Amino acid sequence: MAGPRPSIKDKDTYDARRNDGYTKKKSARIANARASDDQDPARKGSKAPAYEDWSKDALIDAIRNT
């Protein structure tokens, strides 16, 4: 017999993502991450400024140094 099924913590977010075309799995991950106090998916990502804010010389240097 299978164990308990996982549950969706934020049903509204899940439904919105499904309506946007996301898969069931990805929608559930997003919805559950948003509902969790330990995770903050909106704040994840790089701390670097947007490329639009960089000067042309800084962009060229960054590309050459990779």
N, C-alpha and C. Protein backbone atom coordinates (compact mmCIF):
# COMPACT_ATOMS: atom_id res chain seq x y z
N MET A 1 0.84 -1.17 0.00
CA MET A 1 0.00 0.00 0.00
C MET A 1 0.89 1.24 0.00
N ALA A 2 0.52 2.22 -0.78
CA ALA A 2 1.30 3.44 -0.90
C ALA A 2 1.13 4.31 0.34
N GLY A 3 2.12 5.15 0.57
CA GLY A 3 2.07 6.07 1.71
C GLY A 3 1.14 7.24 1.42
N PRO A 4 1.06 8.16 2.35
CA PRO A 4 0.19 9.32 2.16
C PRO A 4 0.67 10.16 0.97
N ARG A 5 -0.27 10.70 0.26
CA ARG A 5 0.07 11.53 -0.90
C ARG A 5 0.50 12.92 -0.44
N PRO A 6 1.44 13.53 -1.15
CA PRO A 6 1.85 14.88 -0.80
C PRO A 6 0.68 15.85 -1.01
N SER A 7 0.69 16.93 -0.26
CA SER A 7 -0.41 17.88 -0.39
C SER A 7 0.11 19.23 -0.88
N ILE A 8 -0.77 19.96 -1.50
CA ILE A 8 -0.47 21.31 -1.97
C ILE A 8 -0.77 22.27 -0.82
N LYS A 9 0.21 23.09 -0.46
CA LYS A 9 0.04 23.99 0.68
C LYS A 9 -0.66 25.30 0.32
N ASP A 10 -0.47 25.76 -0.92
CA ASP A 10 -1.07 27.03 -1.37
C ASP A 10 -1.84 26.76 -2.65
N LYS A 11 -3.10 26.38 -2.51
CA LYS A 11 -3.92 25.94 -3.65
C LYS A 11 -4.11 27.05 -4.69
N ASP A 12 -4.24 28.30 -4.26
CA ASP A 12 -4.44 29.40 -5.21
C ASP A 12 -3.22 29.58 -6.12
N THR A 13 -2.03 29.53 -5.53
CA THR A 13 -0.81 29.64 -6.32
C THR A 13 -0.67 28.46 -7.27
N TYR A 14 -0.98 27.27 -6.77
CA TYR A 14 -0.92 26.06 -7.60
C TYR A 14 -1.83 26.21 -8.81
N ASP A 15 -3.08 26.61 -8.59
CA ASP A 15 -4.03 26.76 -9.69
C ASP A 15 -3.58 27.84 -10.68
N ALA A 16 -3.03 28.92 -10.17
CA ALA A 16 -2.56 30.00 -11.06
C ALA A 16 -1.42 29.51 -11.94
N ARG A 17 -0.48 28.75 -11.37
CA ARG A 17 0.63 28.23 -12.16
C ARG A 17 0.15 27.22 -13.20
N ARG A 18 -0.81 26.37 -12.81
CA ARG A 18 -1.37 25.39 -13.76
C ARG A 18 -2.04 26.11 -14.92
N ASN A 19 -2.76 27.20 -14.62
CA ASN A 19 -3.42 27.97 -15.67
C ASN A 19 -2.41 28.66 -16.58
N ASP A 20 -1.21 28.94 -16.05
CA ASP A 20 -0.15 29.54 -16.84
C ASP A 20 0.59 28.52 -17.69
N GLY A 21 0.27 27.23 -17.52
CA GLY A 21 0.88 26.20 -18.35
C GLY A 21 2.00 25.42 -17.68
N TYR A 22 2.26 25.65 -16.40
CA TYR A 22 3.29 24.90 -15.70
C TYR A 22 2.83 23.46 -15.49
N THR A 23 3.79 22.55 -15.35
CA THR A 23 3.45 21.15 -15.06
C THR A 23 2.91 21.03 -13.64
N LYS A 24 2.29 19.90 -13.35
CA LYS A 24 1.77 19.67 -12.00
C LYS A 24 2.90 19.70 -10.98
N LYS A 25 4.01 19.07 -11.33
CA LYS A 25 5.14 18.97 -10.41
C LYS A 25 5.73 20.35 -10.12
N LYS A 26 5.96 21.14 -11.17
CA LYS A 26 6.55 22.46 -10.98
C LYS A 26 5.59 23.39 -10.25
N SER A 27 4.30 23.29 -10.56
CA SER A 27 3.29 24.10 -9.88
C SER A 27 3.26 23.79 -8.40
N ALA A 28 3.34 22.51 -8.05
CA ALA A 28 3.33 22.10 -6.64
C ALA A 28 4.57 22.61 -5.92
N ARG A 29 5.72 22.52 -6.55
CA ARG A 29 6.96 23.00 -5.93
C ARG A 29 6.88 24.49 -5.64
N ILE A 30 6.39 25.27 -6.61
CA ILE A 30 6.28 26.71 -6.43
C ILE A 30 5.29 27.04 -5.32
N ALA A 31 4.13 26.39 -5.36
CA ALA A 31 3.08 26.66 -4.37
C ALA A 31 3.56 26.30 -2.96
N ASN A 32 4.21 25.17 -2.81
CA ASN A 32 4.66 24.76 -1.49
C ASN A 32 5.83 25.62 -0.99
N ALA A 33 6.68 26.08 -1.89
CA ALA A 33 7.79 26.96 -1.49
C ALA A 33 7.25 28.30 -1.02
N ARG A 34 6.25 28.82 -1.70
CA ARG A 34 5.66 30.10 -1.30
C ARG A 34 4.96 29.99 0.05
N ALA A 35 4.40 28.84 0.35
CA ALA A 35 3.66 28.65 1.60
C ALA A 35 4.59 28.40 2.79
N SER A 36 5.83 28.04 2.52
CA SER A 36 6.78 27.71 3.59
C SER A 36 7.45 28.96 4.14
N ASP A 37 7.59 29.02 5.46
CA ASP A 37 8.29 30.13 6.09
C ASP A 37 9.80 30.03 5.90
N ASP A 38 10.30 28.82 5.67
CA ASP A 38 11.74 28.61 5.52
C ASP A 38 12.26 28.98 4.14
N GLN A 39 11.37 29.09 3.17
CA GLN A 39 11.78 29.37 1.80
C GLN A 39 11.18 30.69 1.35
N ASP A 40 11.90 31.38 0.49
CA ASP A 40 11.41 32.64 -0.05
C ASP A 40 11.79 32.68 -1.53
N PRO A 41 11.00 32.03 -2.40
CA PRO A 41 11.38 31.92 -3.80
C PRO A 41 11.48 33.25 -4.53
N ALA A 42 10.79 34.27 -4.05
CA ALA A 42 10.84 35.57 -4.72
C ALA A 42 12.18 36.27 -4.48
N ARG A 43 12.93 35.87 -3.46
CA ARG A 43 14.18 36.54 -3.13
C ARG A 43 15.40 35.76 -3.59
N LYS A 44 15.21 34.59 -4.17
CA LYS A 44 16.34 33.80 -4.62
C LYS A 44 16.97 34.45 -5.85
N GLY A 45 18.19 34.12 -6.07
CA GLY A 45 18.86 34.60 -7.27
C GLY A 45 20.11 35.39 -6.93
N SER A 46 20.70 35.90 -7.95
CA SER A 46 21.96 36.61 -7.83
C SER A 46 21.77 37.97 -7.18
N LYS A 47 22.81 38.43 -6.53
CA LYS A 47 22.79 39.75 -5.90
C LYS A 47 23.42 40.80 -6.81
N ALA A 48 23.87 40.38 -7.98
CA ALA A 48 24.50 41.30 -8.93
C ALA A 48 23.44 42.22 -9.52
N PRO A 49 23.84 43.44 -9.89
CA PRO A 49 22.87 44.36 -10.51
C PRO A 49 22.44 43.84 -11.89
N ALA A 50 21.32 44.32 -12.36
CA ALA A 50 20.82 43.93 -13.68
C ALA A 50 21.81 44.38 -14.75
N TYR A 51 21.90 43.62 -15.82
CA TYR A 51 22.83 43.97 -16.89
C TYR A 51 22.55 45.34 -17.47
N GLU A 52 21.33 45.79 -17.43
CA GLU A 52 21.00 47.11 -17.95
C GLU A 52 21.70 48.22 -17.17
N ASP A 53 22.07 47.93 -15.91
CA ASP A 53 22.73 48.93 -15.07
C ASP A 53 24.24 48.93 -15.22
N TRP A 54 24.81 47.94 -15.91
CA TRP A 54 26.26 47.86 -16.09
C TRP A 54 26.70 48.77 -17.23
N SER A 55 27.92 49.26 -17.15
CA SER A 55 28.49 50.01 -18.27
C SER A 55 28.95 49.01 -19.33
N LYS A 56 29.15 49.51 -20.53
CA LYS A 56 29.59 48.64 -21.62
C LYS A 56 30.95 48.01 -21.29
N ASP A 57 31.87 48.81 -20.75
CA ASP A 57 33.20 48.30 -20.40
C ASP A 57 33.13 47.22 -19.33
N ALA A 58 32.25 47.39 -18.35
CA ALA A 58 32.12 46.40 -17.29
C ALA A 58 31.57 45.08 -17.85
N LEU A 59 30.63 45.17 -18.78
CA LEU A 59 30.09 43.96 -19.42
C LEU A 59 31.16 43.23 -20.21
N ILE A 60 31.94 43.98 -20.97
CA ILE A 60 33.00 43.36 -21.78
C ILE A 60 34.04 42.70 -20.87
N ASP A 61 34.40 43.35 -19.79
CA ASP A 61 35.36 42.75 -18.84
C ASP A 61 34.80 41.48 -18.22
N ALA A 62 33.54 41.49 -17.87
CA ALA A 62 32.92 40.32 -17.25
C ALA A 62 32.91 39.14 -18.22
N ILE A 63 32.63 39.40 -19.48
CA ILE A 63 32.60 38.34 -20.49
C ILE A 63 34.00 37.78 -20.72
N ARG A 64 34.99 38.63 -20.79
CA ARG A 64 36.36 38.18 -21.04
C ARG A 64 36.94 37.41 -19.86
N ASN A 65 36.47 37.67 -18.66
CA ASN A 65 37.02 37.03 -17.46
C ASN A 65 36.30 35.75 -17.09
N THR A 66 35.39 35.27 -17.92
CA THR A 66 34.69 34.02 -17.59
C THR A 66 35.35 32.83 -18.21
